[in-house]
Amino acid sequence: MDTSGPEKRIVRVTIFQQPYSLRTSGDPAETEALAHGVDDLMHQIADRSASGDPARVAVMAALHLADKARTLEARAAELEARLNDCKQHLLRAGERAESAEDALAKLKQANREIEVKASGALDQRTASLYDRLATLDERLAALLDNRAF
């Protein structure tokens, strides 16, 4: 079993005029971009401060990055909470949709039952009307027969 993990590469970077050899298992270009960002930040801090002491500039850069990380973590937590709220809202909406689908299915079934009953009642009514019509025809025929004599 291979326990060495991903292959690590050496990336050479310069931060605040100091060369560093860094091991990375990720994309070397990404490590170089991060180092370039730290270098830029340290130069910005040095340009704005009275002291160009590299240790002080490094501490100030570390504080700046820590503050940025904390702000991003707070934002991530806020977004996670909003995401959870949205998930709950969607779950409730899904439950309401299922309930509405069940109610619709019941209404459709009730409608079919009403249609069957109405059709049966209509058939009975039609048959009754035909019976009455036949009776009336017979009476009319009898009346006409009586008049003929």
C-alpha atoms as a PDB file:
ATOM      1  CA  MET A   1       0.000   0.000   0.000  1.00  0.00           C
ATOM      2  CA  ASP A   2       1.345   3.433  -0.993  1.00  0.00           C
ATOM      3  CA  THR A   3       1.332   5.776   2.022  1.00  0.00           C
ATOM      4  CA  SER A   4       3.494   8.483   0.505  1.00  0.00           C
ATOM      5  CA  GLY A   5       0.472  10.478  -0.705  1.00  0.00           C
ATOM      6  CA  PRO A   6       0.584  12.812  -3.685  1.00  0.00           C
ATOM      7  CA  GLU A   7       3.972  13.545  -5.178  1.00  0.00           C
ATOM      8  CA  LYS A   8       5.450  16.727  -3.753  1.00  0.00           C
ATOM      9  CA  ARG A   9       7.330  19.159  -5.959  1.00  0.00           C
ATOM     10  CA  ILE A  10       9.800  21.852  -5.067  1.00  0.00           C
ATOM     11  CA  VAL A  11       8.716  25.365  -6.056  1.00  0.00           C
ATOM     12  CA  ARG A  12      11.180  28.232  -5.813  1.00  0.00           C
ATOM     13  CA  VAL A  13       9.679  31.603  -4.938  1.00  0.00           C
ATOM     14  CA  THR A  14      10.883  34.980  -3.702  1.00  0.00           C
ATOM     15  CA  ILE A  15       8.971  36.818  -0.986  1.00  0.00           C
ATOM     16  CA  PHE A  16      10.184  40.224   0.169  1.00  0.00           C
ATOM     17  CA  GLN A  17      13.581  39.744  -1.477  1.00  0.00           C
ATOM     18  CA  GLN A  18      14.090  36.373   0.256  1.00  0.00           C
ATOM     19  CA  PRO A  19      14.258  33.157  -1.802  1.00  0.00           C
ATOM     20  CA  TYR A  20      12.287  30.150  -0.541  1.00  0.00           C
ATOM     21  CA  SER A  21      12.075  26.550  -1.711  1.00  0.00           C
ATOM     22  CA  LEU A  22       8.592  25.244  -0.963  1.00  0.00           C
ATOM     23  CA  ARG A  23       7.267  21.704  -1.249  1.00  0.00           C
ATOM     24  CA  THR A  24       3.815  21.438  -2.733  1.00  0.00           C
ATOM     25  CA  SER A  25       1.564  18.577  -3.746  1.00  0.00           C
ATOM     26  CA  GLY A  26      -0.672  20.981  -5.622  1.00  0.00           C
ATOM     27  CA  ASP A  27      -0.238  22.972  -8.785  1.00  0.00           C
ATOM     28  CA  PRO A  28       3.134  24.787  -8.686  1.00  0.00           C
ATOM     29  CA  ALA A  29       1.599  27.756 -10.512  1.00  0.00           C
ATOM     30  CA  GLU A  30      -0.921  28.128  -7.704  1.00  0.00           C
ATOM     31  CA  THR A  31       1.851  28.106  -5.085  1.00  0.00           C
ATOM     32  CA  GLU A  32       3.739  30.709  -7.112  1.00  0.00           C
ATOM     33  CA  ALA A  33       0.599  32.880  -7.339  1.00  0.00           C
ATOM     34  CA  LEU A  34       0.087  32.674  -3.561  1.00  0.00           C
ATOM     35  CA  ALA A  35       3.720  33.609  -2.935  1.00  0.00           C
ATOM     36  CA  HIS A  36       3.397  36.524  -5.363  1.00  0.00           C
ATOM     37  CA  GLY A  37       0.300  37.720  -3.457  1.00  0.00           C
ATOM     38  CA  VAL A  38       2.164  37.589  -0.126  1.00  0.00           C
ATOM     39  CA  ASP A  39       5.129  39.395  -1.670  1.00  0.00           C
ATOM     40  CA  ASP A  40       2.852  42.149  -3.022  1.00  0.00           C
ATOM     41  CA  LEU A  41       1.112  42.501   0.358  1.00  0.00           C
ATOM     42  CA  MET A  42       4.423  42.774   2.203  1.00  0.00           C
ATOM     43  CA  HIS A  43       5.680  45.427  -0.229  1.00  0.00           C
ATOM     44  CA  GLN A  44       2.439  47.416   0.199  1.00  0.00           C
ATOM     45  CA  ILE A  45       2.810  47.268   3.983  1.00  0.00           C
ATOM     46  CA  ALA A  46       6.498  48.249   3.816  1.00  0.00           C
ATOM     47  CA  ASP A  47       5.671  51.188   1.538  1.00  0.00           C
ATOM     48  CA  ARG A  48       3.109  52.501   4.062  1.00  0.00           C
ATOM     49  CA  SER A  49       5.112  51.957   7.238  1.00  0.00           C
ATOM     50  CA  ALA A  50       7.950  53.989   8.646  1.00  0.00           C
ATOM     51  CA  SER A  51       9.995  50.902   9.384  1.00  0.00           C
ATOM     52  CA  GLY A  52      11.092  48.533   6.634  1.00  0.00           C
ATOM     53  CA  ASP A  53      11.968  45.849   9.182  1.00  0.00           C
ATOM     54  CA  PRO A  54      11.202  42.542   7.441  1.00  0.00           C
ATOM     55  CA  ALA A  55      10.085  40.845  10.662  1.00  0.00           C
ATOM     56  CA  ARG A  56       7.652  43.658  11.445  1.00  0.00           C
ATOM     57  CA  VAL A  57       6.348  43.687   7.857  1.00  0.00           C
ATOM     58  CA  ALA A  58       5.898  39.879   8.034  1.00  0.00           C
ATOM     59  CA  VAL A  59       3.937  40.165  11.305  1.00  0.00           C
ATOM     60  CA  MET A  60       1.735  42.905   9.867  1.00  0.00           C
ATOM     61  CA  ALA A  61       1.130  40.792   6.716  1.00  0.00           C
ATOM     62  CA  ALA A  62       0.292  37.769   8.900  1.00  0.00           C
ATOM     63  CA  LEU A  63      -2.201  39.862  10.906  1.00  0.00           C
ATOM     64  CA  HIS A  64      -3.755  41.177   7.704  1.00  0.00           C
ATOM     65  CA  LEU A  65      -4.120  37.660   6.278  1.00  0.00           C
ATOM     66  CA  ALA A  66      -5.471  36.319   9.596  1.00  0.00           C
ATOM     67  CA  ASP A  67      -8.107  39.083   9.642  1.00  0.00           C
ATOM     68  CA  LYS A  68      -9.011  38.306   6.042  1.00  0.00           C
ATOM     69  CA  ALA A  69      -9.275  34.589   6.843  1.00  0.00           C
ATOM     70  CA  ARG A  70     -11.501  35.291   9.870  1.00  0.00           C
ATOM     71  CA  THR A  71     -13.748  37.557   7.776  1.00  0.00           C
ATOM     72  CA  LEU A  72     -14.027  34.871   5.097  1.00  0.00           C
ATOM     73  CA  GLU A  73     -14.759  32.192   7.710  1.00  0.00           C
ATOM     74  CA  ALA A  74     -17.529  34.344   9.192  1.00  0.00           C
ATOM     75  CA  ARG A  75     -18.958  34.929   5.702  1.00  0.00           C
ATOM     76  CA  ALA A  76     -18.741  31.196   4.976  1.00  0.00           C
ATOM     77  CA  ALA A  77     -20.595  30.429   8.218  1.00  0.00           C
ATOM     78  CA  GLU A  78     -23.252  33.000   7.318  1.00  0.00           C
ATOM     79  CA  LEU A  79     -23.649  31.482   3.857  1.00  0.00           C
ATOM     80  CA  GLU A  80     -23.802  27.984   5.369  1.00  0.00           C
ATOM     81  CA  ALA A  81     -26.606  29.112   7.694  1.00  0.00           C
ATOM     82  CA  ARG A  82     -28.478  30.667   4.745  1.00  0.00           C
ATOM     83  CA  LEU A  83     -27.955  27.480   2.752  1.00  0.00           C
ATOM     84  CA  ASN A  84     -29.397  25.425   5.614  1.00  0.00           C
ATOM     85  CA  ASP A  85     -32.390  27.792   5.797  1.00  0.00           C
ATOM     86  CA  CYS A  86     -32.916  27.395   2.056  1.00  0.00           C
ATOM     87  CA  LYS A  87     -32.674  23.606   2.358  1.00  0.00           C
ATOM     88  CA  GLN A  88     -35.316  23.625   5.094  1.00  0.00           C
ATOM     89  CA  HIS A  89     -37.533  25.912   3.020  1.00  0.00           C
ATOM     90  CA  LEU A  90     -37.179  23.582   0.030  1.00  0.00           C
ATOM     91  CA  LEU A  91     -37.946  20.535   2.165  1.00  0.00           C
ATOM     92  CA  ARG A  92     -41.118  22.178   3.463  1.00  0.00           C
ATOM     93  CA  ALA A  93     -42.073  23.241  -0.063  1.00  0.00           C
ATOM     94  CA  GLY A  94     -41.502  19.672  -1.245  1.00  0.00           C
ATOM     95  CA  GLU A  95     -43.718  18.350   1.534  1.00  0.00           C
ATOM     96  CA  ARG A  96     -46.426  20.857   0.579  1.00  0.00           C
ATOM     97  CA  ALA A  97     -46.103  19.843  -3.077  1.00  0.00           C
ATOM     98  CA  GLU A  98     -46.466  16.159  -2.153  1.00  0.00           C
ATOM     99  CA  SER A  99     -49.506  16.999  -0.037  1.00  0.00           C
ATOM    100  CA  ALA A 100     -51.002  18.995  -2.922  1.00  0.00           C
ATOM    101  CA  GLU A 101     -50.334  16.099  -5.305  1.00  0.00           C
ATOM    102  CA  ASP A 102     -52.084  13.715  -2.908  1.00  0.00           C
ATOM    103  CA  ALA A 103     -55.059  16.072  -2.605  1.00  0.00           C
ATOM    104  CA  LEU A 104     -55.203  16.446  -6.398  1.00  0.00           C
ATOM    105  CA  ALA A 105     -55.151  12.664  -6.857  1.00  0.00           C
ATOM    106  CA  LYS A 106     -58.011  12.337  -4.343  1.00  0.00           C
ATOM    107  CA  LEU A 107     -59.989  15.051  -6.139  1.00  0.00           C
ATOM    108  CA  LYS A 108     -59.447  13.332  -9.490  1.00  0.00           C
ATOM    109  CA  GLN A 109     -60.613  10.021  -8.011  1.00  0.00           C
ATOM    110  CA  ALA A 110     -63.683  11.691  -6.487  1.00  0.00           C
ATOM    111  CA  ASN A 111     -64.417  13.356  -9.826  1.00  0.00           C
ATOM    112  CA  ARG A 112     -64.195   9.991 -11.620  1.00  0.00           C
ATOM    113  CA  GLU A 113     -66.564   8.475  -9.065  1.00  0.00           C
ATOM    114  CA  ILE A 114     -69.019  11.359  -9.515  1.00  0.00           C
ATOM    115  CA  GLU A 115     -68.807  10.990 -13.289  1.00  0.00           C
ATOM    116  CA  VAL A 116     -69.515   7.251 -13.006  1.00  0.00           C
ATOM    117  CA  LYS A 117     -72.468   7.867 -10.700  1.00  0.00           C
ATOM    118  CA  ALA A 118     -73.749  10.696 -12.895  1.00  0.00           C
ATOM    119  CA  SER A 119     -73.377   8.530 -15.962  1.00  0.00           C
ATOM    120  CA  GLY A 120     -75.280   5.735 -14.218  1.00  0.00           C
ATOM    121  CA  ALA A 121     -77.992   8.124 -13.086  1.00  0.00           C
ATOM    122  CA  LEU A 122     -78.176   9.591 -16.588  1.00  0.00           C
ATOM    123  CA  ASP A 123     -78.469   6.128 -18.072  1.00  0.00           C
ATOM    124  CA  GLN A 124     -81.277   5.319 -15.608  1.00  0.00           C
ATOM    125  CA  ARG A 125     -83.034   8.603 -16.384  1.00  0.00           C
ATOM    126  CA  THR A 126     -82.681   8.000 -20.120  1.00  0.00           C
ATOM    127  CA  ALA A 127     -84.049   4.470 -19.778  1.00  0.00           C
ATOM    128  CA  SER A 128     -86.940   5.820 -17.704  1.00  0.00           C
ATOM    129  CA  LEU A 129     -87.696   8.466 -20.342  1.00  0.00           C
ATOM    130  CA  TYR A 130     -87.637   5.845 -23.096  1.00  0.00           C
ATOM    131  CA  ASP A 131     -90.064   3.716 -21.071  1.00  0.00           C
ATOM    132  CA  ARG A 132     -92.373   6.706 -20.632  1.00  0.00           C
ATOM    133  CA  LEU A 133     -92.072   7.549 -24.318  1.00  0.00           C
ATOM    134  CA  ALA A 134     -92.957   3.979 -25.252  1.00  0.00           C
ATOM    135  CA  THR A 135     -95.973   4.146 -22.929  1.00  0.00           C
ATOM    136  CA  LEU A 136     -97.062   7.426 -24.472  1.00  0.00           C
ATOM    137  CA  ASP A 137     -96.643   5.970 -27.950  1.00  0.00           C
ATOM    138  CA  GLU A 138     -98.866   3.048 -26.980  1.00  0.00           C
ATOM    139  CA  ARG A 139    -101.518   5.374 -25.540  1.00  0.00           C
ATOM    140  CA  LEU A 140    -101.368   7.587 -28.600  1.00  0.00           C
ATOM    141  CA  ALA A 141    -101.735   4.587 -30.861  1.00  0.00           C
ATOM    142  CA  ALA A 142    -104.686   3.394 -28.783  1.00  0.00           C
ATOM    143  CA  LEU A 143    -106.302   6.817 -28.975  1.00  0.00           C
ATOM    144  CA  LEU A 144    -105.805   6.953 -32.693  1.00  0.00           C
ATOM    145  CA  ASP A 145    -107.237   3.448 -33.055  1.00  0.00           C
ATOM    146  CA  ASN A 146    -110.290   4.489 -30.996  1.00  0.00           C
ATOM    147  CA  ARG A 147    -110.883   7.521 -33.184  1.00  0.00           C
ATOM    148  CA  ALA A 148    -110.655   5.502 -36.324  1.00  0.00           C
ATOM    149  CA  PHE A 149    -113.846   3.603 -35.427  1.00  0.00           C
END
